[in-house]
C-alpha atoms as a PDB file:
ATOM      1  CA  MET A   1      -0.541  -0.165   0.239  1.00  0.00           C
ATOM      2  CA  GLU A   2       2.957   2.512   0.964  1.00  0.00           C
ATOM      3  CA  LEU A   3       4.261   1.837  -2.606  1.00  0.00           C
ATOM      4  CA  GLU A   4       0.973   2.698  -4.406  1.00  0.00           C
ATOM      5  CA  ILE A   5       0.445   5.945  -2.116  1.00  0.00           C
ATOM      6  CA  THR A   6       4.147   6.497  -3.328  1.00  0.00           C
ATOM      7  CA  ALA A   7       3.723   6.600  -6.605  1.00  0.00           C
ATOM      8  CA  ARG A   8       0.781   8.210  -6.154  1.00  0.00           C
ATOM      9  CA  ARG A   9       1.811  11.787  -5.096  1.00  0.00           C
ATOM     10  CA  LEU A  10       4.963  11.411  -7.126  1.00  0.00           C
ATOM     11  CA  ALA A  11       2.896  10.967  -9.967  1.00  0.00           C
ATOM     12  CA  GLU A  12       0.913  13.783  -9.244  1.00  0.00           C
ATOM     13  CA  LEU A  13       4.279  15.554  -9.186  1.00  0.00           C
ATOM     14  CA  GLY A  14       5.615  14.654 -12.084  1.00  0.00           C
ATOM     15  CA  ASN A  15       3.716  17.547 -13.967  1.00  0.00           C
ATOM     16  CA  THR A  16       5.645  20.926 -14.259  1.00  0.00           C
ATOM     17  CA  THR A  17       2.728  22.656 -13.359  1.00  0.00           C
ATOM     18  CA  ARG A  18       1.905  21.091  -9.703  1.00  0.00           C
ATOM     19  CA  LEU A  19       5.030  20.699  -8.739  1.00  0.00           C
ATOM     20  CA  SER A  20       6.070  24.469  -9.039  1.00  0.00           C
ATOM     21  CA  ILE A  21       2.657  25.401  -7.028  1.00  0.00           C
ATOM     22  CA  PHE A  22       3.905  22.129  -4.566  1.00  0.00           C
ATOM     23  CA  ARG A  23       7.582  23.744  -4.326  1.00  0.00           C
ATOM     24  CA  TYR A  24       5.905  27.353  -4.185  1.00  0.00           C
ATOM     25  CA  LEU A  25       3.913  26.517  -1.224  1.00  0.00           C
ATOM     26  CA  VAL A  26       6.973  24.482   0.193  1.00  0.00           C
ATOM     27  CA  LYS A  27       9.056  28.505  -0.033  1.00  0.00           C
ATOM     28  CA  THR A  28       5.811  30.040   1.353  1.00  0.00           C
ATOM     29  CA  GLY A  29       6.062  27.435   4.755  1.00  0.00           C
ATOM     30  CA  PHE A  30       4.066  25.707   7.112  1.00  0.00           C
ATOM     31  CA  GLU A  31       0.796  28.835   6.596  1.00  0.00           C
ATOM     32  CA  GLY A  32       1.006  28.528   2.982  1.00  0.00           C
ATOM     33  CA  ALA A  33      -0.198  31.066   0.687  1.00  0.00           C
ATOM     34  CA  PRO A  34      -3.916  32.090  -0.810  1.00  0.00           C
ATOM     35  CA  VAL A  35      -5.216  30.710  -3.620  1.00  0.00           C
ATOM     36  CA  GLY A  36      -4.812  34.170  -5.998  1.00  0.00           C
ATOM     37  CA  GLN A  37      -1.295  34.882  -4.720  1.00  0.00           C
ATOM     38  CA  ILE A  38      -0.244  31.519  -6.021  1.00  0.00           C
ATOM     39  CA  GLN A  39      -2.583  32.220  -9.114  1.00  0.00           C
ATOM     40  CA  LYS A  40       0.066  35.746  -9.312  1.00  0.00           C
ATOM     41  CA  GLU A  41       2.835  33.495  -8.925  1.00  0.00           C
ATOM     42  CA  ILE A  42       2.840  30.696 -11.053  1.00  0.00           C
ATOM     43  CA  GLY A  43       0.712  32.402 -13.631  1.00  0.00           C
ATOM     44  CA  ILE A  44      -1.767  30.196 -14.807  1.00  0.00           C
ATOM     45  CA  PRO A  45      -6.115  30.800 -15.189  1.00  0.00           C
ATOM     46  CA  ALA A  46      -7.817  30.155 -11.879  1.00  0.00           C
ATOM     47  CA  SER A  47      -9.885  26.814 -13.386  1.00  0.00           C
ATOM     48  CA  THR A  48      -6.578  25.404 -13.903  1.00  0.00           C
ATOM     49  CA  LEU A  49      -5.091  26.413 -11.104  1.00  0.00           C
ATOM     50  CA  SER A  50      -7.770  25.145  -9.370  1.00  0.00           C
ATOM     51  CA  HIS A  51      -7.678  21.652 -10.652  1.00  0.00           C
ATOM     52  CA  HIS A  52      -3.259  21.644 -10.110  1.00  0.00           C
ATOM     53  CA  ILE A  53      -4.887  21.999  -6.499  1.00  0.00           C
ATOM     54  CA  ASN A  54      -6.907  19.562  -6.370  1.00  0.00           C
ATOM     55  CA  ARG A  55      -5.018  16.756  -7.793  1.00  0.00           C
ATOM     56  CA  LEU A  56      -2.291  17.812  -5.286  1.00  0.00           C
ATOM     57  CA  VAL A  57      -5.030  17.852  -2.284  1.00  0.00           C
ATOM     58  CA  SER A  58      -6.552  14.043  -3.579  1.00  0.00           C
ATOM     59  CA  VAL A  59      -3.632  12.919  -2.836  1.00  0.00           C
ATOM     60  CA  GLY A  60      -3.091  14.629   0.299  1.00  0.00           C
ATOM     61  CA  LEU A  61       0.685  16.858  -0.442  1.00  0.00           C
ATOM     62  CA  ILE A  62      -1.300  20.465   0.448  1.00  0.00           C
ATOM     63  CA  ARG A  63      -4.384  21.168   2.410  1.00  0.00           C
ATOM     64  CA  GLN A  64      -7.063  24.190   1.951  1.00  0.00           C
ATOM     65  CA  VAL A  65      -7.914  25.854   4.859  1.00  0.00           C
ATOM     66  CA  ARG A  66     -10.721  28.875   4.127  1.00  0.00           C
ATOM     67  CA  ASP A  67     -10.115  31.733   6.492  1.00  0.00           C
ATOM     68  CA  SER A  68     -13.584  34.367   5.737  1.00  0.00           C
ATOM     69  CA  ARG A  69     -13.132  34.571   2.029  1.00  0.00           C
ATOM     70  CA  THR A  70      -9.812  33.948   1.311  1.00  0.00           C
ATOM     71  CA  LEU A  71      -8.618  29.922   1.114  1.00  0.00           C
ATOM     72  CA  TYR A  72      -5.115  28.882   2.063  1.00  0.00           C
ATOM     73  CA  CYS A  73      -3.042  26.022   0.515  1.00  0.00           C
ATOM     74  CA  ILE A  74      -0.967  24.397   2.500  1.00  0.00           C
ATOM     75  CA  PRO A  75       1.999  22.107   2.147  1.00  0.00           C
ATOM     76  CA  GLN A  76       2.117  19.095   3.780  1.00  0.00           C
ATOM     77  CA  PHE A  77       5.777  18.625   4.964  1.00  0.00           C
ATOM     78  CA  GLU A  78       4.270  14.997   6.759  1.00  0.00           C
ATOM     79  CA  VAL A  79       3.542  14.523   3.889  1.00  0.00           C
ATOM     80  CA  LEU A  80       6.369  15.030   1.792  1.00  0.00           C
ATOM     81  CA  GLU A  81       8.800  13.796   4.178  1.00  0.00           C
ATOM     82  CA  GLU A  82       6.882  10.537   4.274  1.00  0.00           C
ATOM     83  CA  VAL A  83       7.538  10.392   0.570  1.00  0.00           C
ATOM     84  CA  ILE A  84      11.180  11.102   1.136  1.00  0.00           C
ATOM     85  CA  LYS A  85      11.710   8.551   3.765  1.00  0.00           C
ATOM     86  CA  PHE A  86      10.106   5.849   1.616  1.00  0.00           C
ATOM     87  CA  LEU A  87      12.615   6.816  -1.124  1.00  0.00           C
ATOM     88  CA  MET A  88      15.765   6.613   1.394  1.00  0.00           C
ATOM     89  CA  SER A  89      14.219   4.014   3.410  1.00  0.00           C
ATOM     90  CA  GLU A  90      16.515   1.440   1.688  1.00  0.00           C
ATOM     91  CA  CYS A  91      19.435   3.685   0.475  1.00  0.00           C
ATOM     92  CA  CYS A  92      22.773   1.698   0.772  1.00  0.00           C
ATOM     93  CA  ALA A  93      21.074  -1.102   2.211  1.00  0.00           C
ATOM     94  CA  GLY A  94      23.352  -3.171  -0.902  1.00  0.00           C
ATOM     95  CA  GLY A  95      25.928  -2.069  -0.039  1.00  0.00           C
ATOM     96  CA  LYS A  96      28.455   1.222   0.650  1.00  0.00           C
ATOM     97  CA  CYS A  97      27.841   4.850  -0.688  1.00  0.00           C
ATOM     98  CA  SER A  98      30.237   5.896  -3.330  1.00  0.00           C
ATOM     99  CA  SER A  99      29.537   9.672  -1.630  1.00  0.00           C
ATOM    100  CA  GLY A 100      28.748   8.460   1.621  1.00  0.00           C
ATOM    101  CA  ILE A 101      26.083  10.588   1.906  1.00  0.00           C
ATOM    102  CA  PHE A 102      23.422   8.601   2.743  1.00  0.00           C
ATOM    103  CA  GLU A 103      25.183   6.383   4.672  1.00  0.00           C
ATOM    104  CA  GLN A 104      22.924   5.106   8.032  1.00  0.00           C
ATOM    105  CA  THR A 105      24.370   5.460  11.140  1.00  0.00           C
ATOM    106  CA  PRO A 106      23.467   2.239  13.852  1.00  0.00           C
END
């Protein structure tokens, strides 16, 4: 199951627009950004942005919170960390890493 979920999350990030949106949200930090600000930054029509945001929400990479009339998109750093941990979980399990960067400590 973890493989399928991670594959879905990576597939959504495999789209250049969604990756741009997510990277921008990561840059904004834990507070996220209003949809209008994301639209201005990325430079795409509102309907297109809504489609891409919905795809990121569907796999848990971002969540949305409404504050009065403003809709905020907030990156889910714990989900990003899960993806990274999954990718790194068996790093160098078959031998020593040539760079030593990802060596596991006991």
